[in-house]
Amino acid sequence: MTTQFCKSVVILAALAFSGVALAQAYPAKPLRVLVPQAPGGGNDSIARLIAQRLSQTLKQQVVVDNRAGAGGLIAAETVAKAPPDGYTLLLGNVATLTIIPNVQKKVPYDPFKDFEPVSLIASAPLLVVVHPSLPVTTVKQLIALAKAKPGQLNYASNGVGSSTHLATELFKVMTGTDMTHVPYKGLSPATTDLLSGQVQVMFSSAVAMLPHVKSGRMRALAMTGASRSKAIADIPTVAEAGVRDYEAGSWYGILVPAGTDRAIVDVLAREIGAATRSPEIQDRLNSEAVIPIGSTPAQFAAHIKKEYARVAQVVKSSGAKFD
């Protein structure tokens, strides 16, 4: 056994021991989860569910810090520049990690280089809804009507570059249809105009649209996930309805600054995964048509890479303006 080999073994053993010791000591103070949206929305709700559970299991306070503004850039940049010590977390989503970096020229962080993915918590498919006056009850009928009247159907979105905008543009690309985009500053005004018939179509939050569907003021055609949601099991996916391989929507996951010790990332991933699998959180998410996941760091990293490429292709193929 050579001297160099012995030194290498000692170094590796020391590193392993230091990682174990660090994981055992962590966390030694409260944690912050930065949410890139204001209180009250889906992002905030999921962050608070996970934070409450982590506070119990980690024996430290986990505070939700809402940093709305600039489409999520403020929160993401803050976490990207924070010390990589495991005490500043980001609730990342499809906008901050894949849409904004694809549609804006200057973004103050790199979604791949500046973060360590921890766990993909959940995905939230959108609901394809239409005003009841529109003579369609299926996705196939919507496609046929849009092709018969190119550019005459108006679709609402939460804003240029939002997940609702991208989901509809992807649908247009995959079906060869032409509908006119009407962007709004948020979900509320878009919903109001759909209810009044000012716009005819919207791909939007299932939990927000379901009350209007149940009241008969909107008609649901499909949902945009890869599989059906337990809360709306009677509503088919867009793929089932005839648009093969279509999938879109929102998703939420926890990240920490790049350079965070792997032992800390593993602790967080383990506890977040356990929280996501808990019956109370599973029931809560399923009731809101959100699909619990609780992935490993490697699975979340692969998901971000896949989603980034998918969004890039939609932006390129659609020809839509995102400025």
C-alpha atoms as a PDB file:
ATOM      1  CA  MET A   1       0.000   0.000   0.000  1.00  0.00           C
ATOM      2  CA  THR A   2       1.620   3.275  -1.139  1.00  0.00           C
ATOM      3  CA  THR A   3       1.952   6.379   0.992  1.00  0.00           C
ATOM      4  CA  GLN A   4      -0.091   8.387  -1.544  1.00  0.00           C
ATOM      5  CA  PHE A   5      -2.892   5.828  -1.441  1.00  0.00           C
ATOM      6  CA  CYS A   6      -2.971   5.965   2.357  1.00  0.00           C
ATOM      7  CA  LYS A   7      -3.194   9.760   2.252  1.00  0.00           C
ATOM      8  CA  SER A   8      -6.105   9.570  -0.201  1.00  0.00           C
ATOM      9  CA  VAL A   9      -7.982   7.160   2.061  1.00  0.00           C
ATOM     10  CA  VAL A  10      -7.452   9.441   5.061  1.00  0.00           C
ATOM     11  CA  ILE A  11      -8.665  12.493   3.130  1.00  0.00           C
ATOM     12  CA  LEU A  12     -11.798  10.712   1.889  1.00  0.00           C
ATOM     13  CA  ALA A  13     -12.546   9.415   5.379  1.00  0.00           C
ATOM     14  CA  ALA A  14     -12.124  12.910   6.822  1.00  0.00           C
ATOM     15  CA  LEU A  15     -14.455  14.396   4.216  1.00  0.00           C
ATOM     16  CA  ALA A  16     -17.075  11.743   4.864  1.00  0.00           C
ATOM     17  CA  PHE A  17     -16.830  12.299   8.616  1.00  0.00           C
ATOM     18  CA  SER A  18     -17.102  16.082   8.245  1.00  0.00           C
ATOM     19  CA  GLY A  19     -20.198  15.665   6.088  1.00  0.00           C
ATOM     20  CA  VAL A  20     -21.851  13.415   8.679  1.00  0.00           C
ATOM     21  CA  ALA A  21     -20.942  15.829  11.477  1.00  0.00           C
ATOM     22  CA  LEU A  22     -22.317  18.783   9.500  1.00  0.00           C
ATOM     23  CA  ALA A  23     -25.578  16.965   8.782  1.00  0.00           C
ATOM     24  CA  GLN A  24     -25.965  16.088  12.464  1.00  0.00           C
ATOM     25  CA  ALA A  25     -25.392  19.715  13.517  1.00  0.00           C
ATOM     26  CA  TYR A  26     -27.749  21.137  10.895  1.00  0.00           C
ATOM     27  CA  PRO A  27     -29.908  23.111  11.354  1.00  0.00           C
ATOM     28  CA  ALA A  28     -28.662  25.185  14.257  1.00  0.00           C
ATOM     29  CA  LYS A  29     -30.872  28.242  13.592  1.00  0.00           C
ATOM     30  CA  PRO A  30     -34.132  29.186  11.804  1.00  0.00           C
ATOM     31  CA  LEU A  31     -34.473  28.717   8.024  1.00  0.00           C
ATOM     32  CA  ARG A  32     -36.098  31.031   5.465  1.00  0.00           C
ATOM     33  CA  VAL A  33     -38.033  29.923   2.398  1.00  0.00           C
ATOM     34  CA  LEU A  34     -38.250  32.733  -0.150  1.00  0.00           C
ATOM     35  CA  VAL A  35     -41.406  32.652  -2.238  1.00  0.00           C
ATOM     36  CA  PRO A  36     -41.387  34.670  -5.485  1.00  0.00           C
ATOM     37  CA  GLN A  37     -45.089  35.554  -5.185  1.00  0.00           C
ATOM     38  CA  ALA A  38     -47.304  37.483  -2.792  1.00  0.00           C
ATOM     39  CA  PRO A  39     -49.169  35.698   0.031  1.00  0.00           C
ATOM     40  CA  GLY A  40     -52.352  33.847  -0.836  1.00  0.00           C
ATOM     41  CA  GLY A  41     -51.512  32.061  -4.090  1.00  0.00           C
ATOM     42  CA  GLY A  42     -50.614  28.466  -4.908  1.00  0.00           C
ATOM     43  CA  ASN A  43     -46.872  29.034  -4.449  1.00  0.00           C
ATOM     44  CA  ASP A  44     -47.404  30.584  -1.021  1.00  0.00           C
ATOM     45  CA  SER A  45     -49.795  27.842   0.084  1.00  0.00           C
ATOM     46  CA  ILE A  46     -47.378  25.047  -0.809  1.00  0.00           C
ATOM     47  CA  ALA A  47     -44.432  26.837   0.806  1.00  0.00           C
ATOM     48  CA  ARG A  48     -46.349  27.223   4.061  1.00  0.00           C
ATOM     49  CA  LEU A  49     -47.442  23.582   4.079  1.00  0.00           C
ATOM     50  CA  ILE A  50     -43.855  22.393   3.688  1.00  0.00           C
ATOM     51  CA  ALA A  51     -42.447  25.023   6.082  1.00  0.00           C
ATOM     52  CA  GLN A  52     -44.840  24.010   8.825  1.00  0.00           C
ATOM     53  CA  ARG A  53     -43.889  20.355   8.473  1.00  0.00           C
ATOM     54  CA  LEU A  54     -40.157  21.102   8.333  1.00  0.00           C
ATOM     55  CA  SER A  55     -40.401  23.221  11.467  1.00  0.00           C
ATOM     56  CA  GLN A  56     -41.666  20.125  13.283  1.00  0.00           C
ATOM     57  CA  THR A  57     -39.164  17.621  11.896  1.00  0.00           C
ATOM     58  CA  LEU A  58     -36.047  19.825  11.877  1.00  0.00           C
ATOM     59  CA  LYS A  59     -36.828  21.292  15.328  1.00  0.00           C
ATOM     60  CA  GLN A  60     -36.164  24.789  14.002  1.00  0.00           C
ATOM     61  CA  GLN A  61     -38.472  27.560  12.854  1.00  0.00           C
ATOM     62  CA  VAL A  62     -38.919  27.677   9.082  1.00  0.00           C
ATOM     63  CA  VAL A  63     -40.135  31.117   8.005  1.00  0.00           C
ATOM     64  CA  VAL A  64     -41.878  31.844   4.703  1.00  0.00           C
ATOM     65  CA  ASP A  65     -40.576  35.104   3.225  1.00  0.00           C
ATOM     66  CA  ASN A  66     -42.694  36.424   0.334  1.00  0.00           C
ATOM     67  CA  ARG A  67     -40.538  38.408  -2.123  1.00  0.00           C
ATOM     68  CA  ALA A  68     -42.938  39.251  -4.927  1.00  0.00           C
ATOM     69  CA  GLY A  69     -41.840  41.393  -7.836  1.00  0.00           C
ATOM     70  CA  ALA A  70     -40.199  41.282 -11.260  1.00  0.00           C
ATOM     71  CA  GLY A  71     -41.937  38.027 -12.078  1.00  0.00           C
ATOM     72  CA  GLY A  72     -39.969  36.172  -9.422  1.00  0.00           C
ATOM     73  CA  LEU A  73     -36.524  37.589 -10.204  1.00  0.00           C
ATOM     74  CA  ILE A  74     -36.127  39.281  -6.812  1.00  0.00           C
ATOM     75  CA  ALA A  75     -36.573  36.133  -4.739  1.00  0.00           C
ATOM     76  CA  ALA A  76     -34.480  33.961  -7.051  1.00  0.00           C
ATOM     77  CA  GLU A  77     -31.607  36.458  -7.195  1.00  0.00           C
ATOM     78  CA  THR A  78     -31.635  36.844  -3.407  1.00  0.00           C
ATOM     79  CA  VAL A  79     -31.259  33.096  -2.898  1.00  0.00           C
ATOM     80  CA  ALA A  80     -28.663  32.757  -5.669  1.00  0.00           C
ATOM     81  CA  LYS A  81     -26.465  35.311  -3.863  1.00  0.00           C
ATOM     82  CA  ALA A  82     -27.123  34.032  -0.324  1.00  0.00           C
ATOM     83  CA  PRO A  83     -24.487  32.127   1.679  1.00  0.00           C
ATOM     84  CA  PRO A  84     -24.529  28.417   0.721  1.00  0.00           C
ATOM     85  CA  ASP A  85     -25.188  27.285   4.286  1.00  0.00           C
ATOM     86  CA  GLY A  86     -28.632  25.708   3.968  1.00  0.00           C
ATOM     87  CA  TYR A  87     -30.514  28.470   5.787  1.00  0.00           C
ATOM     88  CA  THR A  88     -31.869  30.338   2.749  1.00  0.00           C
ATOM     89  CA  LEU A  89     -34.164  28.297   0.497  1.00  0.00           C
ATOM     90  CA  LEU A  90     -36.071  29.149  -2.682  1.00  0.00           C
ATOM     91  CA  LEU A  91     -39.480  27.876  -3.674  1.00  0.00           C
ATOM     92  CA  GLY A  92     -38.630  27.637  -7.367  1.00  0.00           C
ATOM     93  CA  ASN A  93     -41.238  27.223 -10.054  1.00  0.00           C
ATOM     94  CA  VAL A  94     -41.696  26.969 -13.799  1.00  0.00           C
ATOM     95  CA  ALA A  95     -41.514  30.762 -14.171  1.00  0.00           C
ATOM     96  CA  THR A  96     -38.334  31.490 -12.218  1.00  0.00           C
ATOM     97  CA  LEU A  97     -36.354  28.504 -13.465  1.00  0.00           C
ATOM     98  CA  THR A  98     -37.472  27.925 -17.056  1.00  0.00           C
ATOM     99  CA  ILE A  99     -39.729  30.623 -18.500  1.00  0.00           C
ATOM    100  CA  ILE A 100     -37.987  33.850 -17.441  1.00  0.00           C
ATOM    101  CA  PRO A 101     -34.475  32.619 -18.401  1.00  0.00           C
ATOM    102  CA  ASN A 102     -35.847  31.711 -21.838  1.00  0.00           C
ATOM    103  CA  VAL A 103     -37.766  34.879 -22.622  1.00  0.00           C
ATOM    104  CA  GLN A 104     -35.770  37.684 -20.972  1.00  0.00           C
ATOM    105  CA  LYS A 105     -32.397  38.825 -22.266  1.00  0.00           C
ATOM    106  CA  LYS A 106     -30.948  39.769 -18.879  1.00  0.00           C
ATOM    107  CA  VAL A 107     -31.583  37.534 -15.870  1.00  0.00           C
ATOM    108  CA  PRO A 108     -29.494  38.089 -12.697  1.00  0.00           C
ATOM    109  CA  TYR A 109     -28.973  34.377 -12.059  1.00  0.00           C
ATOM    110  CA  ASP A 110     -28.306  31.135 -13.923  1.00  0.00           C
ATOM    111  CA  PRO A 111     -30.958  28.473 -13.224  1.00  0.00           C
ATOM    112  CA  PHE A 112     -28.358  25.711 -13.552  1.00  0.00           C
ATOM    113  CA  LYS A 113     -25.173  27.212 -12.099  1.00  0.00           C
ATOM    114  CA  ASP A 114     -26.515  29.276  -9.202  1.00  0.00           C
ATOM    115  CA  PHE A 115     -28.706  26.718  -7.424  1.00  0.00           C
ATOM    116  CA  GLU A 116     -28.613  23.223  -5.975  1.00  0.00           C
ATOM    117  CA  PRO A 117     -31.957  21.472  -6.603  1.00  0.00           C
ATOM    118  CA  VAL A 118     -33.268  19.786  -3.443  1.00  0.00           C
ATOM    119  CA  SER A 119     -36.712  18.343  -4.155  1.00  0.00           C
ATOM    120  CA  LEU A 120     -39.576  18.777  -6.618  1.00  0.00           C
ATOM    121  CA  ILE A 121     -42.548  19.048  -4.271  1.00  0.00           C
ATOM    122  CA  ALA A 122     -45.542  18.946  -6.600  1.00  0.00           C
ATOM    123  CA  SER A 123     -46.956  19.702 -10.021  1.00  0.00           C
ATOM    124  CA  ALA A 124     -50.134  21.624 -10.719  1.00  0.00           C
ATOM    125  CA  PRO A 125     -51.782  20.944 -14.071  1.00  0.00           C
ATOM    126  CA  LEU A 126     -53.961  23.619 -15.590  1.00  0.00           C
ATOM    127  CA  LEU A 127     -57.598  23.297 -16.551  1.00  0.00           C
ATOM    128  CA  VAL A 128     -58.724  24.040 -20.117  1.00  0.00           C
ATOM    129  CA  VAL A 129     -61.928  26.016 -19.722  1.00  0.00           C
ATOM    130  CA  VAL A 130     -64.227  27.845 -22.122  1.00  0.00           C
ATOM    131  CA  HIS A 131     -67.150  30.202 -21.803  1.00  0.00           C
ATOM    132  CA  PRO A 132     -70.457  28.240 -21.959  1.00  0.00           C
ATOM    133  CA  SER A 133     -71.513  30.171 -25.064  1.00  0.00           C
ATOM    134  CA  LEU A 134     -68.723  28.525 -27.067  1.00  0.00           C
ATOM    135  CA  PRO A 135     -70.260  25.540 -28.931  1.00  0.00           C
ATOM    136  CA  VAL A 136     -67.660  22.971 -27.851  1.00  0.00           C
ATOM    137  CA  THR A 137     -67.633  20.267 -25.188  1.00  0.00           C
ATOM    138  CA  THR A 138     -64.383  18.477 -26.085  1.00  0.00           C
ATOM    139  CA  VAL A 139     -60.805  19.352 -26.994  1.00  0.00           C
ATOM    140  CA  LYS A 140     -61.319  17.936 -30.494  1.00  0.00           C
ATOM    141  CA  GLN A 141     -64.263  20.268 -31.012  1.00  0.00           C
ATOM    142  CA  LEU A 142     -62.214  23.227 -29.758  1.00  0.00           C
ATOM    143  CA  ILE A 143     -59.454  22.384 -32.224  1.00  0.00           C
ATOM    144  CA  ALA A 144     -61.958  22.084 -35.072  1.00  0.00           C
ATOM    145  CA  LEU A 145     -63.589  25.420 -34.207  1.00  0.00           C
ATOM    146  CA  ALA A 146     -60.228  27.200 -33.893  1.00  0.00           C
ATOM    147  CA  LYS A 147     -59.182  25.860 -37.297  1.00  0.00           C
ATOM    148  CA  ALA A 148     -62.489  26.889 -38.843  1.00  0.00           C
ATOM    149  CA  LYS A 149     -62.131  30.404 -37.394  1.00  0.00           C
ATOM    150  CA  PRO A 150     -58.394  31.168 -37.339  1.00  0.00           C
ATOM    151  CA  GLY A 151     -57.548  34.089 -35.069  1.00  0.00           C
ATOM    152  CA  GLN A 152     -61.183  34.664 -34.092  1.00  0.00           C
ATOM    153  CA  LEU A 153     -61.109  32.889 -30.726  1.00  0.00           C
ATOM    154  CA  ASN A 154     -59.523  34.889 -27.911  1.00  0.00           C
ATOM    155  CA  TYR A 155     -57.656  33.192 -25.098  1.00  0.00           C
ATOM    156  CA  ALA A 156     -56.785  34.790 -21.781  1.00  0.00           C
ATOM    157  CA  SER A 157     -53.584  34.368 -19.794  1.00  0.00           C
ATOM    158  CA  ASN A 158     -52.212  35.628 -16.473  1.00  0.00           C
ATOM    159  CA  GLY A 159     -49.688  37.675 -18.433  1.00  0.00           C
ATOM    160  CA  VAL A 160     -47.046  37.493 -21.155  1.00  0.00           C
ATOM    161  CA  GLY A 161     -44.611  34.691 -20.386  1.00  0.00           C
ATOM    162  CA  SER A 162     -46.790  33.133 -17.677  1.00  0.00           C
ATOM    163  CA  SER A 163     -47.304  29.375 -17.437  1.00  0.00           C
ATOM    164  CA  THR A 164     -50.857  29.885 -18.736  1.00  0.00           C
ATOM    165  CA  HIS A 165     -49.501  31.736 -21.777  1.00  0.00           C
ATOM    166  CA  LEU A 166     -46.884  29.061 -22.514  1.00  0.00           C
ATOM    167  CA  ALA A 167     -49.393  26.226 -22.046  1.00  0.00           C
ATOM    168  CA  THR A 168     -51.751  27.709 -24.632  1.00  0.00           C
ATOM    169  CA  GLU A 169     -48.966  28.490 -27.099  1.00  0.00           C
ATOM    170  CA  LEU A 170     -47.767  24.886 -26.799  1.00  0.00           C
ATOM    171  CA  PHE A 171     -51.322  23.732 -27.513  1.00  0.00           C
ATOM    172  CA  LYS A 172     -51.463  25.962 -30.597  1.00  0.00           C
ATOM    173  CA  VAL A 173     -48.141  24.630 -31.894  1.00  0.00           C
ATOM    174  CA  MET A 174     -49.104  20.987 -31.356  1.00  0.00           C
ATOM    175  CA  THR A 175     -52.583  21.342 -32.880  1.00  0.00           C
ATOM    176  CA  GLY A 176     -51.851  23.783 -35.707  1.00  0.00           C
ATOM    177  CA  THR A 177     -54.466  26.212 -34.451  1.00  0.00           C
ATOM    178  CA  ASP A 178     -54.497  30.005 -34.274  1.00  0.00           C
ATOM    179  CA  MET A 179     -56.096  31.765 -31.301  1.00  0.00           C
ATOM    180  CA  THR A 180     -55.495  35.389 -30.292  1.00  0.00           C
ATOM    181  CA  HIS A 181     -53.674  36.013 -27.029  1.00  0.00           C
ATOM    182  CA  VAL A 182     -55.202  38.484 -24.573  1.00  0.00           C
ATOM    183  CA  PRO A 183     -52.749  38.911 -21.655  1.00  0.00           C
ATOM    184  CA  TYR A 184     -53.941  40.174 -18.272  1.00  0.00           C
ATOM    185  CA  LYS A 185     -52.128  41.375 -15.171  1.00  0.00           C
ATOM    186  CA  GLY A 186     -52.936  38.346 -13.073  1.00  0.00           C
ATOM    187  CA  LEU A 187     -55.530  35.632 -12.659  1.00  0.00           C
ATOM    188  CA  SER A 188     -58.403  37.727 -11.288  1.00  0.00           C
ATOM    189  CA  PRO A 189     -59.002  40.083 -14.253  1.00  0.00           C
ATOM    190  CA  ALA A 190     -58.513  37.224 -16.728  1.00  0.00           C
ATOM    191  CA  THR A 191     -61.132  35.153 -14.915  1.00  0.00           C
ATOM    192  CA  THR A 192     -63.548  38.090 -14.808  1.00  0.00           C
ATOM    193  CA  ASP A 193     -63.403  38.568 -18.574  1.00  0.00           C
ATOM    194  CA  LEU A 194     -63.785  34.852 -19.258  1.00  0.00           C
ATOM    195  CA  LEU A 195     -66.870  34.746 -17.040  1.00  0.00           C
ATOM    196  CA  SER A 196     -68.349  37.718 -18.927  1.00  0.00           C
ATOM    197  CA  GLY A 197     -67.542  36.226 -22.332  1.00  0.00           C
ATOM    198  CA  GLN A 198     -65.037  38.916 -23.334  1.00  0.00           C
ATOM    199  CA  VAL A 199     -62.607  36.052 -23.996  1.00  0.00           C
ATOM    200  CA  GLN A 200     -63.630  32.505 -24.825  1.00  0.00           C
ATOM    201  CA  VAL A 201     -60.776  30.208 -23.752  1.00  0.00           C
ATOM    202  CA  MET A 202     -58.291  29.943 -20.904  1.00  0.00           C
ATOM    203  CA  PHE A 203     -55.744  27.414 -19.661  1.00  0.00           C
ATOM    204  CA  SER A 204     -55.659  28.229 -15.958  1.00  0.00           C
ATOM    205  CA  SER A 205     -55.335  27.086 -12.344  1.00  0.00           C
ATOM    206  CA  ALA A 206     -57.580  24.107 -11.676  1.00  0.00           C
ATOM    207  CA  VAL A 207     -58.308  25.055  -8.067  1.00  0.00           C
ATOM    208  CA  ALA A 208     -59.292  28.581  -9.155  1.00  0.00           C
ATOM    209  CA  MET A 209     -61.466  27.455 -12.077  1.00  0.00           C
ATOM    210  CA  LEU A 210     -63.289  24.495 -10.486  1.00  0.00           C
ATOM    211  CA  PRO A 211     -65.841  26.567  -8.502  1.00  0.00           C
ATOM    212  CA  HIS A 212     -66.892  28.319 -11.732  1.00  0.00           C
ATOM    213  CA  VAL A 213     -67.070  24.988 -13.568  1.00  0.00           C
ATOM    214  CA  LYS A 214     -69.280  23.508 -10.834  1.00  0.00           C
ATOM    215  CA  SER A 215     -71.566  26.561 -10.946  1.00  0.00           C
ATOM    216  CA  GLY A 216     -71.960  26.212 -14.723  1.00  0.00           C
ATOM    217  CA  ARG A 217     -70.356  29.586 -15.495  1.00  0.00           C
ATOM    218  CA  MET A 218     -67.459  27.845 -17.264  1.00  0.00           C
ATOM    219  CA  ARG A 219     -67.093  24.556 -19.104  1.00  0.00           C
ATOM    220  CA  ALA A 220     -64.060  22.330 -18.472  1.00  0.00           C
ATOM    221  CA  LEU A 221     -62.734  20.408 -21.473  1.00  0.00           C
ATOM    222  CA  ALA A 222     -59.511  18.850 -20.169  1.00  0.00           C
ATOM    223  CA  MET A 223     -56.553  19.245 -17.843  1.00  0.00           C
ATOM    224  CA  THR A 224     -52.955  19.671 -18.912  1.00  0.00           C
ATOM    225  CA  GLY A 225     -51.087  17.152 -16.735  1.00  0.00           C
ATOM    226  CA  ALA A 226     -49.477  13.902 -17.817  1.00  0.00           C
ATOM    227  CA  SER A 227     -52.089  11.980 -15.817  1.00  0.00           C
ATOM    228  CA  ARG A 228     -55.503  12.716 -14.362  1.00  0.00           C
ATOM    229  CA  SER A 229     -55.847  14.436 -11.019  1.00  0.00           C
ATOM    230  CA  LYS A 230     -57.642  12.659  -8.167  1.00  0.00           C
ATOM    231  CA  ALA A 231     -59.675  15.790  -7.454  1.00  0.00           C
ATOM    232  CA  ILE A 232     -61.005  15.941 -11.036  1.00  0.00           C
ATOM    233  CA  ALA A 233     -60.713  12.314 -12.115  1.00  0.00           C
ATOM    234  CA  ASP A 234     -63.673  12.651 -14.493  1.00  0.00           C
ATOM    235  CA  ILE A 235     -61.859  15.279 -16.583  1.00  0.00           C
ATOM    236  CA  PRO A 236     -59.481  13.800 -19.222  1.00  0.00           C
ATOM    237  CA  THR A 237     -55.995  15.049 -19.962  1.00  0.00           C
ATOM    238  CA  VAL A 238     -55.358  16.985 -23.167  1.00  0.00           C
ATOM    239  CA  ALA A 239     -53.258  14.029 -24.329  1.00  0.00           C
ATOM    240  CA  GLU A 240     -56.150  11.623 -23.710  1.00  0.00           C
ATOM    241  CA  ALA A 241     -58.428  14.017 -25.562  1.00  0.00           C
ATOM    242  CA  GLY A 242     -56.362  13.657 -28.717  1.00  0.00           C
ATOM    243  CA  VAL A 243     -53.226  15.841 -28.486  1.00  0.00           C
ATOM    244  CA  ARG A 244     -50.620  13.129 -28.043  1.00  0.00           C
ATOM    245  CA  ASP A 245     -47.706  13.874 -25.650  1.00  0.00           C
ATOM    246  CA  TYR A 246     -49.135  17.252 -24.618  1.00  0.00           C
ATOM    247  CA  GLU A 247     -48.210  18.242 -21.061  1.00  0.00           C
ATOM    248  CA  ALA A 248     -48.016  21.655 -19.400  1.00  0.00           C
ATOM    249  CA  GLY A 249     -48.674  23.463 -16.154  1.00  0.00           C
ATOM    250  CA  SER A 250     -46.992  24.707 -13.024  1.00  0.00           C
ATOM    251  CA  TRP A 251     -44.662  22.965 -10.594  1.00  0.00           C
ATOM    252  CA  TYR A 252     -42.954  23.817  -7.332  1.00  0.00           C
ATOM    253  CA  GLY A 253     -39.671  22.739  -5.774  1.00  0.00           C
ATOM    254  CA  ILE A 254     -37.085  23.716  -3.188  1.00  0.00           C
ATOM    255  CA  LEU A 255     -33.574  24.864  -4.125  1.00  0.00           C
ATOM    256  CA  VAL A 256     -30.602  26.235  -2.182  1.00  0.00           C
ATOM    257  CA  PRO A 257     -27.601  28.315  -3.322  1.00  0.00           C
ATOM    258  CA  ALA A 258     -24.949  26.522  -5.378  1.00  0.00           C
ATOM    259  CA  GLY A 259     -22.104  25.243  -3.249  1.00  0.00           C
ATOM    260  CA  THR A 260     -24.299  24.141  -0.353  1.00  0.00           C
ATOM    261  CA  ASP A 261     -22.792  21.076   1.310  1.00  0.00           C
ATOM    262  CA  ARG A 262     -24.212  17.823  -0.051  1.00  0.00           C
ATOM    263  CA  ALA A 263     -24.941  16.562   3.451  1.00  0.00           C
ATOM    264  CA  ILE A 264     -27.263  19.536   4.030  1.00  0.00           C
ATOM    265  CA  VAL A 265     -28.958  19.058   0.641  1.00  0.00           C
ATOM    266  CA  ASP A 266     -29.572  15.415   1.523  1.00  0.00           C
ATOM    267  CA  VAL A 267     -31.080  16.305   4.915  1.00  0.00           C
ATOM    268  CA  LEU A 268     -33.474  18.787   3.309  1.00  0.00           C
ATOM    269  CA  ALA A 269     -34.388  16.394   0.486  1.00  0.00           C
ATOM    270  CA  ARG A 270     -35.124  13.598   2.945  1.00  0.00           C
ATOM    271  CA  GLU A 271     -37.337  15.759   5.154  1.00  0.00           C
ATOM    272  CA  ILE A 272     -39.164  17.428   2.253  1.00  0.00           C
ATOM    273  CA  GLY A 273     -39.797  14.037   0.668  1.00  0.00           C
ATOM    274  CA  ALA A 274     -41.188  12.728   3.965  1.00  0.00           C
ATOM    275  CA  ALA A 275     -43.374  15.841   4.314  1.00  0.00           C
ATOM    276  CA  THR A 276     -44.739  15.456   0.774  1.00  0.00           C
ATOM    277  CA  ARG A 277     -45.590  11.805   1.468  1.00  0.00           C
ATOM    278  CA  SER A 278     -47.415  12.586   4.727  1.00  0.00           C
ATOM    279  CA  PRO A 279     -51.162  11.819   4.546  1.00  0.00           C
ATOM    280  CA  GLU A 280     -52.232  15.326   5.585  1.00  0.00           C
ATOM    281  CA  ILE A 281     -50.181  17.069   2.883  1.00  0.00           C
ATOM    282  CA  GLN A 282     -51.131  14.456   0.272  1.00  0.00           C
ATOM    283  CA  ASP A 283     -54.815  14.973   1.061  1.00  0.00           C
ATOM    284  CA  ARG A 284     -54.492  18.753   1.005  1.00  0.00           C
ATOM    285  CA  LEU A 285     -52.678  18.843  -2.339  1.00  0.00           C
ATOM    286  CA  ASN A 286     -54.952  16.271  -3.977  1.00  0.00           C
ATOM    287  CA  SER A 287     -58.031  18.231  -2.864  1.00  0.00           C
ATOM    288  CA  GLU A 288     -56.683  21.226  -4.792  1.00  0.00           C
ATOM    289  CA  ALA A 289     -55.920  19.197  -7.943  1.00  0.00           C
ATOM    290  CA  VAL A 290     -52.188  19.417  -7.204  1.00  0.00           C
ATOM    291  CA  ILE A 291     -50.112  16.254  -7.656  1.00  0.00           C
ATOM    292  CA  PRO A 292     -47.624  15.504  -4.819  1.00  0.00           C
ATOM    293  CA  ILE A 293     -44.143  14.341  -5.905  1.00  0.00           C
ATOM    294  CA  GLY A 294     -41.308  14.742  -3.367  1.00  0.00           C
ATOM    295  CA  SER A 295     -38.363  13.898  -5.650  1.00  0.00           C
ATOM    296  CA  THR A 296     -34.650  13.378  -5.036  1.00  0.00           C
ATOM    297  CA  PRO A 297     -32.166  16.178  -5.861  1.00  0.00           C
ATOM    298  CA  ALA A 298     -31.046  14.326  -9.007  1.00  0.00           C
ATOM    299  CA  GLN A 299     -34.619  13.857 -10.199  1.00  0.00           C
ATOM    300  CA  PHE A 300     -35.397  17.534  -9.636  1.00  0.00           C
ATOM    301  CA  ALA A 301     -32.249  18.586 -11.526  1.00  0.00           C
ATOM    302  CA  ALA A 302     -33.282  16.394 -14.471  1.00  0.00           C
ATOM    303  CA  HIS A 303     -36.798  17.855 -14.344  1.00  0.00           C
ATOM    304  CA  ILE A 304     -35.506  21.439 -14.524  1.00  0.00           C
ATOM    305  CA  LYS A 305     -33.264  20.569 -17.475  1.00  0.00           C
ATOM    306  CA  LYS A 306     -36.128  18.875 -19.328  1.00  0.00           C
ATOM    307  CA  GLU A 307     -38.574  21.711 -18.623  1.00  0.00           C
ATOM    308  CA  TYR A 308     -36.057  24.366 -19.685  1.00  0.00           C
ATOM    309  CA  ALA A 309     -35.573  22.644 -23.034  1.00  0.00           C
ATOM    310  CA  ARG A 310     -39.325  22.221 -23.488  1.00  0.00           C
ATOM    311  CA  VAL A 311     -40.031  25.897 -22.813  1.00  0.00           C
ATOM    312  CA  ALA A 312     -37.213  26.923 -25.154  1.00  0.00           C
ATOM    313  CA  GLN A 313     -38.800  24.883 -27.933  1.00  0.00           C
ATOM    314  CA  VAL A 314     -42.241  26.411 -27.321  1.00  0.00           C
ATOM    315  CA  VAL A 315     -40.790  29.933 -27.386  1.00  0.00           C
ATOM    316  CA  LYS A 316     -38.936  29.166 -30.634  1.00  0.00           C
ATOM    317  CA  SER A 317     -41.760  27.324 -32.393  1.00  0.00           C
ATOM    318  CA  SER A 318     -44.706  29.505 -31.388  1.00  0.00           C
ATOM    319  CA  GLY A 319     -43.425  32.778 -32.769  1.00  0.00           C
ATOM    320  CA  ALA A 320     -45.189  34.468 -29.856  1.00  0.00           C
ATOM    321  CA  LYS A 321     -43.822  37.724 -28.515  1.00  0.00           C
ATOM    322  CA  PHE A 322     -42.698  37.623 -24.884  1.00  0.00           C
ATOM    323  CA  ASP A 323     -41.222  41.118 -24.545  1.00  0.00           C
END
